[in-house]
Amino acid sequence: MTAVTIPPLKDLLYEQCGFIIPVSFTLDFVGLHGDDWLLAERDWEDIVALVLDTDAVDMQASGSRAIRQAVEAAAAFLHDDEVWPWCPICRRGTGAEDEVRHNEP
């Protein structure tokens, strides 16, 4: 059995990635993190993992179907700057980001 994993941001750059992702989502999310791909990737994985436990993912979904639903819901939500103009994990995009940076390892 193949393990199902959260797709890395670099794989979501392309239209043929297999997920329905807003066109500029990946570059915008990485840009929000000061073009730090490692930091953005860490936060992306945390966000998708959190979305897996919400009603954005069908309770009957598992494996790749659950990952697909979580990835697409997270990207759609995060891409809407009016709803969520900052990273909910590290809070970059808000005045609180400086406080978070000082507390990071």
PDB file of N, CA and C in Angstrom:
ATOM      1  N   MET A   1       0.843  -1.186   0.000  1.00  0.00           N
ATOM      2  CA  MET A   1       0.000   0.000   0.000  1.00  0.00           C
ATOM      3  C   MET A   1       0.887   1.248   0.000  1.00  0.00           C
ATOM      4  N   THR A   2       0.581   2.190  -0.849  1.00  0.00           N
ATOM      5  CA  THR A   2       1.344   3.426  -0.965  1.00  0.00           C
ATOM      6  C   THR A   2       0.843   4.439   0.054  1.00  0.00           C
ATOM      7  N   ALA A   3       1.770   5.073   0.755  1.00  0.00           N
ATOM      8  CA  ALA A   3       1.408   6.115   1.716  1.00  0.00           C
ATOM      9  C   ALA A   3       0.932   7.352   0.970  1.00  0.00           C
ATOM     10  N   VAL A   4      -0.090   7.972   1.494  1.00  0.00           N
ATOM     11  CA  VAL A   4      -0.622   9.195   0.904  1.00  0.00           C
ATOM     12  C   VAL A   4      -0.040  10.358   1.690  1.00  0.00           C
ATOM     13  N   THR A   5       0.571  11.297   0.971  1.00  0.00           N
ATOM     14  CA  THR A   5       1.203  12.439   1.625  1.00  0.00           C
ATOM     15  C   THR A   5       0.645  13.749   1.096  1.00  0.00           C
ATOM     16  N   ILE A   6       0.858  14.781   1.867  1.00  0.00           N
ATOM     17  CA  ILE A   6       0.477  16.129   1.452  1.00  0.00           C
ATOM     18  C   ILE A   6       1.429  16.551   0.343  1.00  0.00           C
ATOM     19  N   PRO A   7       0.900  17.024  -0.787  1.00  0.00           N
ATOM     20  CA  PRO A   7       1.790  17.425  -1.877  1.00  0.00           C
ATOM     21  C   PRO A   7       2.613  18.657  -1.508  1.00  0.00           C
ATOM     22  N   PRO A   8       3.904  18.644  -1.840  1.00  0.00           N
ATOM     23  CA  PRO A   8       4.724  19.829  -1.565  1.00  0.00           C
ATOM     24  C   PRO A   8       4.285  21.002  -2.430  1.00  0.00           C
ATOM     25  N   LEU A   9       4.523  22.195  -1.939  1.00  0.00           N
ATOM     26  CA  LEU A   9       4.134  23.398  -2.673  1.00  0.00           C
ATOM     27  C   LEU A   9       4.705  23.426  -4.082  1.00  0.00           C
ATOM     28  N   LYS A  10       5.945  22.975  -4.250  1.00  0.00           N
ATOM     29  CA  LYS A  10       6.565  23.029  -5.577  1.00  0.00           C
ATOM     30  C   LYS A  10       5.780  22.207  -6.598  1.00  0.00           C
ATOM     31  N   ASP A  11       5.073  21.183  -6.143  1.00  0.00           N
ATOM     32  CA  ASP A  11       4.275  20.366  -7.053  1.00  0.00           C
ATOM     33  C   ASP A  11       2.951  21.029  -7.410  1.00  0.00           C
ATOM     34  N   LEU A  12       2.567  22.037  -6.662  1.00  0.00           N
ATOM     35  CA  LEU A  12       1.298  22.715  -6.922  1.00  0.00           C
ATOM     36  C   LEU A  12       1.455  23.926  -7.834  1.00  0.00           C
ATOM     37  N   LEU A  13       2.669  24.149  -8.317  1.00  0.00           N
ATOM     38  CA  LEU A  13       2.929  25.280  -9.209  1.00  0.00           C
ATOM     39  C   LEU A  13       2.307  25.103 -10.588  1.00  0.00           C
ATOM     40  N   TYR A  14       2.060  23.874 -10.972  1.00  0.00           N
ATOM     41  CA  TYR A  14       1.676  23.574 -12.342  1.00  0.00           C
ATOM     42  C   TYR A  14       0.191  23.243 -12.462  1.00  0.00           C
ATOM     43  N   GLU A  15      -0.402  23.684 -13.555  1.00  0.00           N
ATOM     44  CA  GLU A  15      -1.820  23.456 -13.798  1.00  0.00           C
ATOM     45  C   GLU A  15      -2.155  21.968 -13.816  1.00  0.00           C
ATOM     46  N   GLN A  16      -1.233  21.153 -14.244  1.00  0.00           N
ATOM     47  CA  GLN A  16      -1.447  19.716 -14.346  1.00  0.00           C
ATOM     48  C   GLN A  16      -1.068  18.983 -13.051  1.00  0.00           C
ATOM     49  N   CYS A  17      -1.097  19.660 -11.930  1.00  0.00           N
ATOM     50  CA  CYS A  17      -0.660  19.073 -10.661  1.00  0.00           C
ATOM     51  C   CYS A  17      -1.632  18.023 -10.127  1.00  0.00           C
ATOM     52  N   GLY A  18      -2.848  17.989 -10.672  1.00  0.00           N
ATOM     53  CA  GLY A  18      -3.823  17.025 -10.210  1.00  0.00           C
ATOM     54  C   GLY A  18      -4.741  17.564  -9.118  1.00  0.00           C
ATOM     55  N   PHE A  19      -4.546  18.815  -8.728  1.00  0.00           N
ATOM     56  CA  PHE A  19      -5.382  19.458  -7.719  1.00  0.00           C
ATOM     57  C   PHE A  19      -5.966  20.728  -8.315  1.00  0.00           C
ATOM     58  N   ILE A  20      -7.127  21.114  -7.827  1.00  0.00           N
ATOM     59  CA  ILE A  20      -7.735  22.371  -8.268  1.00  0.00           C
ATOM     60  C   ILE A  20      -7.257  23.447  -7.299  1.00  0.00           C
ATOM     61  N   ILE A  21      -6.260  24.192  -7.744  1.00  0.00           N
ATOM     62  CA  ILE A  21      -5.589  25.201  -6.929  1.00  0.00           C
ATOM     63  C   ILE A  21      -5.660  26.541  -7.669  1.00  0.00           C
ATOM     64  N   PRO A  22      -5.974  27.631  -6.971  1.00  0.00           N
ATOM     65  CA  PRO A  22      -5.936  28.941  -7.634  1.00  0.00           C
ATOM     66  C   PRO A  22      -4.566  29.168  -8.288  1.00  0.00           C
ATOM     67  N   VAL A  23      -4.573  29.748  -9.458  1.00  0.00           N
ATOM     68  CA  VAL A  23      -3.371  29.890 -10.285  1.00  0.00           C
ATOM     69  C   VAL A  23      -2.168  30.451  -9.537  1.00  0.00           C
ATOM     70  N   SER A  24      -2.328  31.522  -8.825  1.00  0.00           N
ATOM     71  CA  SER A  24      -1.170  32.159  -8.193  1.00  0.00           C
ATOM     72  C   SER A  24      -0.984  31.751  -6.726  1.00  0.00           C
ATOM     73  N   PHE A  25      -1.738  30.768  -6.255  1.00  0.00           N
ATOM     74  CA  PHE A  25      -1.687  30.423  -4.832  1.00  0.00           C
ATOM     75  C   PHE A  25      -0.276  30.115  -4.340  1.00  0.00           C
ATOM     76  N   THR A  26       0.416  29.216  -4.986  1.00  0.00           N
ATOM     77  CA  THR A  26       1.714  28.762  -4.472  1.00  0.00           C
ATOM     78  C   THR A  26       2.709  29.904  -4.370  1.00  0.00           C
ATOM     79  N   LEU A  27       2.867  30.675  -5.430  1.00  0.00           N
ATOM     80  CA  LEU A  27       3.837  31.772  -5.387  1.00  0.00           C
ATOM     81  C   LEU A  27       3.421  32.856  -4.398  1.00  0.00           C
ATOM     82  N   ASP A  28       2.121  33.097  -4.273  1.00  0.00           N
ATOM     83  CA  ASP A  28       1.643  34.081  -3.300  1.00  0.00           C
ATOM     84  C   ASP A  28       1.921  33.607  -1.868  1.00  0.00           C
ATOM     85  N   PHE A  29       1.685  32.323  -1.599  1.00  0.00           N
ATOM     86  CA  PHE A  29       1.893  31.796  -0.251  1.00  0.00           C
ATOM     87  C   PHE A  29       3.377  31.806   0.109  1.00  0.00           C
ATOM     88  N   VAL A  30       4.218  31.432  -0.833  1.00  0.00           N
ATOM     89  CA  VAL A  30       5.660  31.463  -0.584  1.00  0.00           C
ATOM     90  C   VAL A  30       6.122  32.917  -0.434  1.00  0.00           C
ATOM     91  N   GLY A  31       5.588  33.815  -1.258  1.00  0.00           N
ATOM     92  CA  GLY A  31       5.921  35.236  -1.155  1.00  0.00           C
ATOM     93  C   GLY A  31       5.533  35.819   0.194  1.00  0.00           C
ATOM     94  N   LEU A  32       4.400  35.389   0.735  1.00  0.00           N
ATOM     95  CA  LEU A  32       3.972  35.823   2.058  1.00  0.00           C
ATOM     96  C   LEU A  32       5.010  35.456   3.115  1.00  0.00           C
ATOM     97  N   HIS A  33       5.753  34.383   2.844  1.00  0.00           N
ATOM     98  CA  HIS A  33       6.792  33.905   3.757  1.00  0.00           C
ATOM     99  C   HIS A  33       8.177  34.434   3.372  1.00  0.00           C
ATOM    100  N   GLY A  34       8.200  35.557   2.669  1.00  0.00           N
ATOM    101  CA  GLY A  34       9.468  36.181   2.298  1.00  0.00           C
ATOM    102  C   GLY A  34      10.281  35.324   1.341  1.00  0.00           C
ATOM    103  N   ASP A  35       9.587  34.579   0.495  1.00  0.00           N
ATOM    104  CA  ASP A  35      10.208  33.663  -0.474  1.00  0.00           C
ATOM    105  C   ASP A  35      11.040  32.571   0.199  1.00  0.00           C
ATOM    106  N   ASP A  36      10.719  32.276   1.427  1.00  0.00           N
ATOM    107  CA  ASP A  36      11.377  31.187   2.160  1.00  0.00           C
ATOM    108  C   ASP A  36      10.555  29.913   1.928  1.00  0.00           C
ATOM    109  N   TRP A  37      10.970  29.112   0.952  1.00  0.00           N
ATOM    110  CA  TRP A  37      10.239  27.909   0.568  1.00  0.00           C
ATOM    111  C   TRP A  37      10.153  26.904   1.709  1.00  0.00           C
ATOM    112  N   LEU A  38      11.204  26.782   2.503  1.00  0.00           N
ATOM    113  CA  LEU A  38      11.184  25.814   3.609  1.00  0.00           C
ATOM    114  C   LEU A  38      10.160  26.202   4.677  1.00  0.00           C
ATOM    115  N   LEU A  39      10.129  27.477   5.025  1.00  0.00           N
ATOM    116  CA  LEU A  39       9.164  27.955   6.002  1.00  0.00           C
ATOM    117  C   LEU A  39       7.738  27.820   5.470  1.00  0.00           C
ATOM    118  N   ALA A  40       7.532  28.223   4.227  1.00  0.00           N
ATOM    119  CA  ALA A  40       6.208  28.120   3.614  1.00  0.00           C
ATOM    120  C   ALA A  40       5.755  26.660   3.563  1.00  0.00           C
ATOM    121  N   GLU A  41       6.662  25.761   3.221  1.00  0.00           N
ATOM    122  CA  GLU A  41       6.337  24.332   3.151  1.00  0.00           C
ATOM    123  C   GLU A  41       5.937  23.798   4.525  1.00  0.00           C
ATOM    124  N   ARG A  42       6.683  24.181   5.546  1.00  0.00           N
ATOM    125  CA  ARG A  42       6.357  23.748   6.908  1.00  0.00           C
ATOM    126  C   ARG A  42       4.948  24.195   7.293  1.00  0.00           C
ATOM    127  N   ASP A  43       4.649  25.472   7.038  1.00  0.00           N
ATOM    128  CA  ASP A  43       3.335  25.994   7.388  1.00  0.00           C
ATOM    129  C   ASP A  43       2.238  25.353   6.544  1.00  0.00           C
ATOM    130  N   TRP A  44       2.505  25.133   5.261  1.00  0.00           N
ATOM    131  CA  TRP A  44       1.546  24.493   4.356  1.00  0.00           C
ATOM    132  C   TRP A  44       1.164  23.105   4.874  1.00  0.00           C
ATOM    133  N   GLU A  45       2.139  22.321   5.238  1.00  0.00           N
ATOM    134  CA  GLU A  45       1.859  20.972   5.736  1.00  0.00           C
ATOM    135  C   GLU A  45       1.044  21.018   7.024  1.00  0.00           C
ATOM    136  N   ASP A  46       1.358  21.958   7.904  1.00  0.00           N
ATOM    137  CA  ASP A  46       0.599  22.108   9.146  1.00  0.00           C
ATOM    138  C   ASP A  46      -0.852  22.506   8.861  1.00  0.00           C
ATOM    139  N   ILE A  47      -1.040  23.420   7.924  1.00  0.00           N
ATOM    140  CA  ILE A  47      -2.387  23.894   7.584  1.00  0.00           C
ATOM    141  C   ILE A  47      -3.214  22.761   7.002  1.00  0.00           C
ATOM    142  N   VAL A  48      -2.656  22.036   6.032  1.00  0.00           N
ATOM    143  CA  VAL A  48      -3.414  20.943   5.414  1.00  0.00           C
ATOM    144  C   VAL A  48      -3.750  19.882   6.458  1.00  0.00           C
ATOM    145  N   ALA A  49      -2.820  19.582   7.345  1.00  0.00           N
ATOM    146  CA  ALA A  49      -3.089  18.604   8.405  1.00  0.00           C
ATOM    147  C   ALA A  49      -4.252  19.075   9.285  1.00  0.00           C
ATOM    148  N   LEU A  50      -4.305  20.364   9.586  1.00  0.00           N
ATOM    149  CA  LEU A  50      -5.413  20.898  10.387  1.00  0.00           C
ATOM    150  C   LEU A  50      -6.738  20.828   9.628  1.00  0.00           C
ATOM    151  N   VAL A  51      -6.704  21.126   8.329  1.00  0.00           N
ATOM    152  CA  VAL A  51      -7.926  21.104   7.519  1.00  0.00           C
ATOM    153  C   VAL A  51      -8.479  19.685   7.401  1.00  0.00           C
ATOM    154  N   LEU A  52      -7.616  18.690   7.482  1.00  0.00           N
ATOM    155  CA  LEU A  52      -8.085  17.301   7.424  1.00  0.00           C
ATOM    156  C   LEU A  52      -9.104  16.999   8.512  1.00  0.00           C
ATOM    157  N   ASP A  53      -9.046  17.723   9.619  1.00  0.00           N
ATOM    158  CA  ASP A  53      -9.962  17.501  10.736  1.00  0.00           C
ATOM    159  C   ASP A  53     -11.096  18.514  10.791  1.00  0.00           C
ATOM    160  N   THR A  54     -11.482  19.050   9.631  1.00  0.00           N
ATOM    161  CA  THR A  54     -12.594  20.001   9.580  1.00  0.00           C
ATOM    162  C   THR A  54     -13.692  19.449   8.686  1.00  0.00           C
ATOM    163  N   ASP A  55     -14.795  20.184   8.616  1.00  0.00           N
ATOM    164  CA  ASP A  55     -15.884  19.746   7.745  1.00  0.00           C
ATOM    165  C   ASP A  55     -15.611  20.031   6.274  1.00  0.00           C
ATOM    166  N   ALA A  56     -14.439  20.572   5.949  1.00  0.00           N
ATOM    167  CA  ALA A  56     -14.046  20.752   4.546  1.00  0.00           C
ATOM    168  C   ALA A  56     -13.728  19.402   3.905  1.00  0.00           C
ATOM    169  N   VAL A  57     -13.493  18.404   4.746  1.00  0.00           N
ATOM    170  CA  VAL A  57     -13.191  17.053   4.267  1.00  0.00           C
ATOM    171  C   VAL A  57     -14.344  16.144   4.686  1.00  0.00           C
ATOM    172  N   ASP A  58     -14.908  15.457   3.701  1.00  0.00           N
ATOM    173  CA  ASP A  58     -16.004  14.532   3.958  1.00  0.00           C
ATOM    174  C   ASP A  58     -15.588  13.501   5.003  1.00  0.00           C
ATOM    175  N   MET A  59     -16.441  13.260   5.970  1.00  0.00           N
ATOM    176  CA  MET A  59     -16.123  12.306   7.041  1.00  0.00           C
ATOM    177  C   MET A  59     -15.849  10.899   6.505  1.00  0.00           C
ATOM    178  N   GLN A  60     -16.410  10.584   5.357  1.00  0.00           N
ATOM    179  CA  GLN A  60     -16.219   9.258   4.757  1.00  0.00           C
ATOM    180  C   GLN A  60     -14.954   9.188   3.895  1.00  0.00           C
ATOM    181  N   ALA A  61     -14.338  10.328   3.653  1.00  0.00           N
ATOM    182  CA  ALA A  61     -13.149  10.367   2.788  1.00  0.00           C
ATOM    183  C   ALA A  61     -11.938   9.827   3.533  1.00  0.00           C
ATOM    184  N   SER A  62     -11.094   9.159   2.804  1.00  0.00           N
ATOM    185  CA  SER A  62      -9.834   8.683   3.377  1.00  0.00           C
ATOM    186  C   SER A  62      -8.775   8.700   2.288  1.00  0.00           C
ATOM    187  N   GLY A  63      -7.527   8.526   2.691  1.00  0.00           N
ATOM    188  CA  GLY A  63      -6.431   8.441   1.737  1.00  0.00           C
ATOM    189  C   GLY A  63      -6.327   9.637   0.818  1.00  0.00           C
ATOM    190  N   SER A  64      -6.137   9.353  -0.468  1.00  0.00           N
ATOM    191  CA  SER A  64      -5.908  10.421  -1.439  1.00  0.00           C
ATOM    192  C   SER A  64      -7.123  11.332  -1.600  1.00  0.00           C
ATOM    193  N   ARG A  65      -8.322  10.794  -1.416  1.00  0.00           N
ATOM    194  CA  ARG A  65      -9.525  11.635  -1.524  1.00  0.00           C
ATOM    195  C   ARG A  65      -9.555  12.664  -0.397  1.00  0.00           C
ATOM    196  N   ALA A  66      -9.225  12.268   0.812  1.00  0.00           N
ATOM    197  CA  ALA A  66      -9.203  13.197   1.948  1.00  0.00           C
ATOM    198  C   ALA A  66      -8.114  14.248   1.762  1.00  0.00           C
ATOM    199  N   ILE A  67      -6.941  13.825   1.307  1.00  0.00           N
ATOM    200  CA  ILE A  67      -5.844  14.774   1.052  1.00  0.00           C
ATOM    201  C   ILE A  67      -6.259  15.774  -0.013  1.00  0.00           C
ATOM    202  N   ARG A  68      -6.858  15.289  -1.098  1.00  0.00           N
ATOM    203  CA  ARG A  68      -7.297  16.188  -2.185  1.00  0.00           C
ATOM    204  C   ARG A  68      -8.270  17.233  -1.642  1.00  0.00           C
ATOM    205  N   GLN A  69      -9.253  16.806  -0.882  1.00  0.00           N
ATOM    206  CA  GLN A  69     -10.242  17.742  -0.342  1.00  0.00           C
ATOM    207  C   GLN A  69      -9.587  18.759   0.592  1.00  0.00           C
ATOM    208  N   ALA A  70      -8.673  18.309   1.434  1.00  0.00           N
ATOM    209  CA  ALA A  70      -8.006  19.219   2.370  1.00  0.00           C
ATOM    210  C   ALA A  70      -7.099  20.208   1.644  1.00  0.00           C
ATOM    211  N   VAL A  71      -6.342  19.728   0.666  1.00  0.00           N
ATOM    212  CA  VAL A  71      -5.433  20.591  -0.099  1.00  0.00           C
ATOM    213  C   VAL A  71      -6.225  21.659  -0.849  1.00  0.00           C
ATOM    214  N   GLU A  72      -7.270  21.242  -1.530  1.00  0.00           N
ATOM    215  CA  GLU A  72      -8.050  22.191  -2.323  1.00  0.00           C
ATOM    216  C   GLU A  72      -8.777  23.193  -1.435  1.00  0.00           C
ATOM    217  N   ALA A  73      -9.301  22.747  -0.302  1.00  0.00           N
ATOM    218  CA  ALA A  73      -9.984  23.665   0.619  1.00  0.00           C
ATOM    219  C   ALA A  73      -9.000  24.654   1.240  1.00  0.00           C
ATOM    220  N   ALA A  74      -7.845  24.164   1.654  1.00  0.00           N
ATOM    221  CA  ALA A  74      -6.833  25.040   2.263  1.00  0.00           C
ATOM    222  C   ALA A  74      -6.359  26.093   1.271  1.00  0.00           C
ATOM    223  N   ALA A  75      -6.063  25.682   0.054  1.00  0.00           N
ATOM    224  CA  ALA A  75      -5.572  26.622  -0.960  1.00  0.00           C
ATOM    225  C   ALA A  75      -6.631  27.671  -1.295  1.00  0.00           C
ATOM    226  N   ALA A  76      -7.878  27.248  -1.439  1.00  0.00           N
ATOM    227  CA  ALA A  76      -8.951  28.192  -1.765  1.00  0.00           C
ATOM    228  C   ALA A  76      -9.136  29.201  -0.631  1.00  0.00           C
ATOM    229  N   PHE A  77      -9.109  28.722   0.592  1.00  0.00           N
ATOM    230  CA  PHE A  77      -9.285  29.582   1.750  1.00  0.00           C
ATOM    231  C   PHE A  77      -8.129  30.567   1.899  1.00  0.00           C
ATOM    232  N   LEU A  78      -6.915  30.076   1.807  1.00  0.00           N
ATOM    233  CA  LEU A  78      -5.734  30.923   1.990  1.00  0.00           C
ATOM    234  C   LEU A  78      -5.528  31.904   0.841  1.00  0.00           C
ATOM    235  N   HIS A  79      -6.044  31.552  -0.331  1.00  0.00           N
ATOM    236  CA  HIS A  79      -5.857  32.417  -1.501  1.00  0.00           C
ATOM    237  C   HIS A  79      -6.733  33.663  -1.438  1.00  0.00           C
ATOM    238  N   ASP A  80      -7.808  33.614  -0.669  1.00  0.00           N
ATOM    239  CA  ASP A  80      -8.724  34.748  -0.560  1.00  0.00           C
ATOM    240  C   ASP A  80      -8.191  35.728   0.483  1.00  0.00           C
ATOM    241  N   ASP A  81      -7.498  36.760   0.008  1.00  0.00           N
ATOM    242  CA  ASP A  81      -6.867  37.740   0.907  1.00  0.00           C
ATOM    243  C   ASP A  81      -7.862  38.497   1.773  1.00  0.00           C
ATOM    244  N   GLU A  82      -9.115  38.585   1.335  1.00  0.00           N
ATOM    245  CA  GLU A  82     -10.103  39.291   2.143  1.00  0.00           C
ATOM    246  C   GLU A  82     -10.508  38.452   3.343  1.00  0.00           C
ATOM    247  N   VAL A  83     -10.534  37.136   3.183  1.00  0.00           N
ATOM    248  CA  VAL A  83     -10.913  36.247   4.268  1.00  0.00           C
ATOM    249  C   VAL A  83      -9.732  35.981   5.188  1.00  0.00           C
ATOM    250  N   TRP A  84      -8.558  35.703   4.594  1.00  0.00           N
ATOM    251  CA  TRP A  84      -7.388  35.338   5.396  1.00  0.00           C
ATOM    252  C   TRP A  84      -6.136  35.929   4.756  1.00  0.00           C
ATOM    253  N   PRO A  85      -5.781  37.181   5.069  1.00  0.00           N
ATOM    254  CA  PRO A  85      -4.641  37.840   4.413  1.00  0.00           C
ATOM    255  C   PRO A  85      -3.279  37.530   5.032  1.00  0.00           C
ATOM    256  N   TRP A  86      -3.212  36.596   5.945  1.00  0.00           N
ATOM    257  CA  TRP A  86      -1.933  36.253   6.577  1.00  0.00           C
ATOM    258  C   TRP A  86      -1.847  34.739   6.747  1.00  0.00           C
ATOM    259  N   CYS A  87      -0.676  34.264   7.125  1.00  0.00           N
ATOM    260  CA  CYS A  87      -0.479  32.842   7.376  1.00  0.00           C
ATOM    261  C   CYS A  87      -1.010  32.525   8.774  1.00  0.00           C
ATOM    262  N   PRO A  88      -1.935  31.588   8.893  1.00  0.00           N
ATOM    263  CA  PRO A  88      -2.493  31.281  10.211  1.00  0.00           C
ATOM    264  C   PRO A  88      -1.521  30.538  11.131  1.00  0.00           C
ATOM    265  N   ILE A  89      -0.428  30.042  10.607  1.00  0.00           N
ATOM    266  CA  ILE A  89       0.542  29.326  11.434  1.00  0.00           C
ATOM    267  C   ILE A  89       1.589  30.288  12.000  1.00  0.00           C
ATOM    268  N   CYS A  90       2.301  30.990  11.112  1.00  0.00           N
ATOM    269  CA  CYS A  90       3.384  31.880  11.576  1.00  0.00           C
ATOM    270  C   CYS A  90       2.940  33.340  11.681  1.00  0.00           C
ATOM    271  N   ARG A  91       1.745  33.642  11.204  1.00  0.00           N
ATOM    272  CA  ARG A  91       1.139  34.971  11.249  1.00  0.00           C
ATOM    273  C   ARG A  91       1.864  36.007  10.394  1.00  0.00           C
ATOM    274  N   ARG A  92       2.652  35.557   9.435  1.00  0.00           N
ATOM    275  CA  ARG A  92       3.268  36.519   8.517  1.00  0.00           C
ATOM    276  C   ARG A  92       2.158  37.201   7.724  1.00  0.00           C
ATOM    277  N   GLY A  93       2.329  38.496   7.529  1.00  0.00           N
ATOM    278  CA  GLY A  93       1.300  39.295   6.890  1.00  0.00           C
ATOM    279  C   GLY A  93       0.550  40.150   7.902  1.00  0.00           C
ATOM    280  N   THR A  94       0.912  39.989   9.183  1.00  0.00           N
ATOM    281  CA  THR A  94       0.315  40.796  10.246  1.00  0.00           C
ATOM    282  C   THR A  94       1.449  41.473  11.007  1.00  0.00           C
ATOM    283  N   GLY A  95       1.113  42.378  11.885  1.00  0.00           N
ATOM    284  CA  GLY A  95       2.123  43.004  12.731  1.00  0.00           C
ATOM    285  C   GLY A  95       2.707  42.028  13.736  1.00  0.00           C
ATOM    286  N   ALA A  96       2.015  40.909  13.964  1.00  0.00           N
ATOM    287  CA  ALA A  96       2.467  39.920  14.950  1.00  0.00           C
ATOM    288  C   ALA A  96       3.617  39.068  14.427  1.00  0.00           C
ATOM    289  N   GLU A  97       3.921  39.159  13.130  1.00  0.00           N
ATOM    290  CA  GLU A  97       4.965  38.302  12.557  1.00  0.00           C
ATOM    291  C   GLU A  97       6.336  38.541  13.193  1.00  0.00           C
ATOM    292  N   ASP A  98       6.649  39.768  13.586  1.00  0.00           N
ATOM    293  CA  ASP A  98       7.937  40.032  14.217  1.00  0.00           C
ATOM    294  C   ASP A  98       8.048  39.302  15.548  1.00  0.00           C
ATOM    295  N   GLU A  99       6.947  39.271  16.297  1.00  0.00           N
ATOM    296  CA  GLU A  99       6.934  38.555  17.570  1.00  0.00           C
ATOM    297  C   GLU A  99       7.173  37.065  17.345  1.00  0.00           C
ATOM    298  N   VAL A 100       6.561  36.498  16.328  1.00  0.00           N
ATOM    299  CA  VAL A 100       6.716  35.082  16.022  1.00  0.00           C
ATOM    300  C   VAL A 100       8.152  34.774  15.627  1.00  0.00           C
ATOM    301  N   ARG A 101       8.761  35.623  14.811  1.00  0.00           N
ATOM    302  CA  ARG A 101      10.145  35.406  14.362  1.00  0.00           C
ATOM    303  C   ARG A 101      11.108  35.321  15.549  1.00  0.00           C
ATOM    304  N   HIS A 102      10.861  36.134  16.566  1.00  0.00           N
ATOM    305  CA  HIS A 102      11.750  36.127  17.721  1.00  0.00           C
ATOM    306  C   HIS A 102      11.608  34.843  18.527  1.00  0.00           C
ATOM    307  N   ASN A 103      10.470  34.182  18.412  1.00  0.00           N
ATOM    308  CA  ASN A 103      10.219  32.964  19.185  1.00  0.00           C
ATOM    309  C   ASN A 103      10.521  31.695  18.411  1.00  0.00           C
ATOM    310  N   GLU A 104      10.880  31.790  17.121  1.00  0.00           N
ATOM    311  CA  GLU A 104      11.187  30.611  16.338  1.00  0.00           C
ATOM    312  C   GLU A 104      12.572  30.085  16.685  1.00  0.00           C
ATOM    313  N   PRO A 105      12.728  28.754  16.605  1.00  0.00           N
ATOM    314  CA  PRO A 105      14.057  28.181  16.900  1.00  0.00           C
ATOM    315  C   PRO A 105      15.092  28.560  15.880  1.00  0.00           C
TER     316      PRO A 105
END
